[in-house]
Structures are given as structure tokens and as C-alpha cells.
């Protein structure tokens, strides 16, 4: 007897989306980027293993922390950890440190640009409204 598609094991995309709070569109994106895998029913529906639930929860947390797909791809087997936040691995620490350095560099550049812009604004204000700055 051939098993009906509904009898095959695994979680369909809608259920995975509901259990993780991630849209089906995002799940397809994760799969397209190689972060998540599925099997296909004969009718083409995606089926995910139960391991996909903690994996997607970790992906959601990592994207929420500002990491990119390229960053996350370096996590390797760490992604399947039931609680990545409680038991991080070396790969996670390395990626976090790299991303933090990149953010610090961007913040420094933006702070410098803001300072220059604020100085220009102040200079222009004194030239446009010179009477407003006299005592």
C-alpha cells in the first residue's frame, strides 16, 4: 500500500511557520539560502523534520540580532543546538565578535560624519541668521 502524502512524517511549511512564528515566505527564503532543508511530498509540498523547529528559532534569533545569511552560514552544526543562546559554540562566538567589530567601525564612521555635519549646520546657522547668535 502506498502511503498518502498526509501520512508521511514531517512538518508541513504552514505548521512550521505557526510553531516558530516565522512566515512561510521566510522559511522558503531560508531554504533557498541553504540554511534549512526539506523533503518533498509527491505533490511538491515541503516537509520538515522536527529538528527544523529549534533550527528556525535559532535563525530567527540570529537574524534578529542583525546577522546576515553569510554570517549565519558560518555557524555550521551550532544552528541545530536546541538553545543556541545557552550553549554557544566557538563558531558562534567568532561570528559575533566579527559582527561587533564591523558595527563598531560603522558607528565610528557615522559618529565622525555626524560631527562634521553638525559643525556645518552650526556654521550655516551663524551665517544665515547672524543676529540670532549675538548677545
Protein backbone atom coordinates (compact mmCIF):
# COMPACT_ATOMS: atom_id res chain seq x y z
CA UNK A 1 0.00 0.00 0.00
CA UNK A 2 1.35 3.45 -0.92
CA UNK A 3 1.28 5.99 1.89
CA UNK A 4 -0.88 9.02 1.34
CA UNK A 5 1.01 12.34 1.37
CA UNK A 6 -0.78 13.29 4.59
CA UNK A 7 0.55 10.15 6.29
CA UNK A 8 4.22 10.89 5.60
CA UNK A 9 6.29 12.07 8.53
CA UNK A 10 7.42 15.60 8.98
CA UNK A 11 6.04 19.05 9.46
CA UNK A 12 4.46 20.98 6.62
CA UNK A 13 5.55 24.56 5.99
CA UNK A 14 2.38 26.09 7.45
CA UNK A 15 2.76 24.18 10.71
CA UNK A 16 6.45 25.06 10.94
CA UNK A 17 5.58 28.70 10.35
CA UNK A 18 2.94 28.58 13.08
CA UNK A 19 5.19 26.79 15.60
CA UNK A 20 8.12 29.16 15.07
CA UNK A 21 6.41 32.48 14.36
CA UNK A 22 8.27 32.75 11.04
CA UNK A 23 6.35 33.28 7.80
CA UNK A 24 6.24 30.57 5.15
CA UNK A 25 7.90 33.05 2.81
CA UNK A 26 10.85 33.40 5.21
CA UNK A 27 11.08 29.63 5.54
CA UNK A 28 11.31 29.30 1.75
CA UNK A 29 13.99 32.02 1.77
CA UNK A 30 15.97 30.15 4.45
CA UNK A 31 15.73 27.02 2.33
CA UNK A 32 16.81 28.88 -0.81
CA UNK A 33 19.88 30.16 1.05
CA UNK A 34 20.82 26.68 2.28
CA UNK A 35 20.02 27.34 5.94
CA UNK A 36 17.07 24.94 6.07
CA UNK A 37 16.26 21.75 4.19
CA UNK A 38 13.04 19.93 3.45
CA UNK A 39 11.82 16.82 1.74
CA UNK A 40 9.07 16.98 -0.85
CA UNK A 41 5.84 15.05 -0.98
CA UNK A 42 4.76 13.65 -4.34
CA UNK A 43 2.54 16.69 -4.71
CA UNK A 44 5.51 19.03 -4.11
CA UNK A 45 4.60 20.10 -0.58
CA UNK A 46 7.54 20.70 1.71
CA UNK A 47 8.03 18.52 4.77
CA UNK A 48 10.49 19.43 7.50
CA UNK A 49 11.91 17.24 10.24
CA UNK A 50 11.12 18.06 13.87
CA UNK A 51 14.71 19.34 14.15
CA UNK A 52 13.63 22.27 11.99
CA UNK A 53 11.76 23.87 14.91
CA UNK A 54 14.84 24.72 17.05
CA UNK A 55 16.83 25.47 13.89
CA UNK A 56 14.28 28.06 12.72
CA UNK A 57 14.07 29.51 16.24
CA UNK A 58 17.86 29.97 16.15
CA UNK A 59 17.73 31.50 12.67
CA UNK A 60 15.06 33.93 13.82
CA UNK A 61 17.15 34.91 16.83
CA UNK A 62 20.31 35.37 14.73
CA UNK A 63 18.59 37.46 12.04
CA UNK A 64 17.01 39.50 14.83
CA UNK A 65 20.50 40.17 16.20
CA UNK A 66 21.46 41.70 12.85
CA UNK A 67 23.46 38.83 11.42
CA UNK A 68 23.45 38.21 7.69
CA UNK A 69 22.94 34.94 5.81
CA UNK A 70 26.70 34.83 5.20
CA UNK A 71 27.35 35.25 8.93
CA UNK A 72 24.87 32.52 9.83
CA UNK A 73 26.29 30.08 7.30
CA UNK A 74 29.49 30.02 9.41
CA UNK A 75 27.60 28.58 12.39
CA UNK A 76 27.51 25.09 10.89
CA UNK A 77 26.22 22.45 13.29
CA UNK A 78 25.73 25.09 16.00
CA UNK A 79 22.50 26.08 14.27
CA UNK A 80 20.77 22.89 15.32
CA UNK A 81 21.52 23.38 19.01
CA UNK A 82 18.25 23.27 20.96
CA UNK A 83 19.20 26.54 22.67
CA UNK A 84 21.98 28.36 20.88
CA UNK A 85 21.87 31.19 23.42
CA UNK A 86 22.57 28.90 26.38
CA UNK A 87 25.19 26.68 24.80
CA UNK A 88 27.02 28.67 22.14
CA UNK A 89 29.91 27.14 20.25
CA UNK A 90 33.20 28.63 19.08
CA UNK A 91 31.86 29.40 15.61
CA UNK A 92 29.07 31.48 17.14
CA UNK A 93 31.46 33.48 19.29
CA UNK A 94 33.75 34.16 16.33
CA UNK A 95 30.86 35.41 14.16
CA UNK A 96 29.50 37.59 16.97
CA UNK A 97 32.93 39.14 17.53
CA UNK A 98 33.38 39.83 13.81
CA UNK A 99 29.94 41.42 13.52
CA UNK A 100 30.52 43.51 16.65
CA UNK A 101 33.81 44.84 15.23
CA UNK A 102 32.08 45.71 11.96
CA UNK A 103 29.32 47.54 13.83
CA UNK A 104 31.85 49.42 15.96
CA UNK A 105 33.66 50.51 12.79
CA UNK A 106 30.40 51.70 11.22
CA UNK A 107 29.42 53.55 14.38
CA UNK A 108 32.78 55.32 14.44
CA UNK A 109 32.39 56.40 10.81
CA UNK A 110 28.81 57.57 11.39
CA UNK A 111 29.81 59.44 14.54
CA UNK A 112 32.54 61.25 12.61
CA UNK A 113 30.15 62.10 9.77
CA UNK A 114 27.55 63.34 12.25
CA UNK A 115 30.09 65.55 13.96
CA UNK A 116 31.12 67.07 10.62
CA UNK A 117 27.52 67.63 9.60
CA UNK A 118 26.61 69.21 12.95
CA UNK A 119 29.56 71.59 12.59
CA UNK A 120 28.39 72.56 9.09
CA UNK A 121 24.83 73.13 10.33
CA UNK A 122 26.10 75.38 13.11
CA UNK A 123 28.33 77.29 10.70
CA UNK A 124 25.44 77.82 8.27
CA UNK A 125 23.10 78.93 11.05
CA UNK A 126 25.52 81.65 12.13
CA UNK A 127 25.83 82.89 8.56
CA UNK A 128 22.14 82.76 7.68
CA UNK A 129 20.87 84.26 10.96
CA UNK A 130 23.84 86.19 12.37
CA UNK A 131 21.63 88.35 14.63
CA UNK A 132 20.23 85.27 16.41
CA UNK A 133 23.69 84.40 17.76
CA UNK A 134 24.65 87.77 19.20
CA UNK A 135 24.11 88.67 22.85
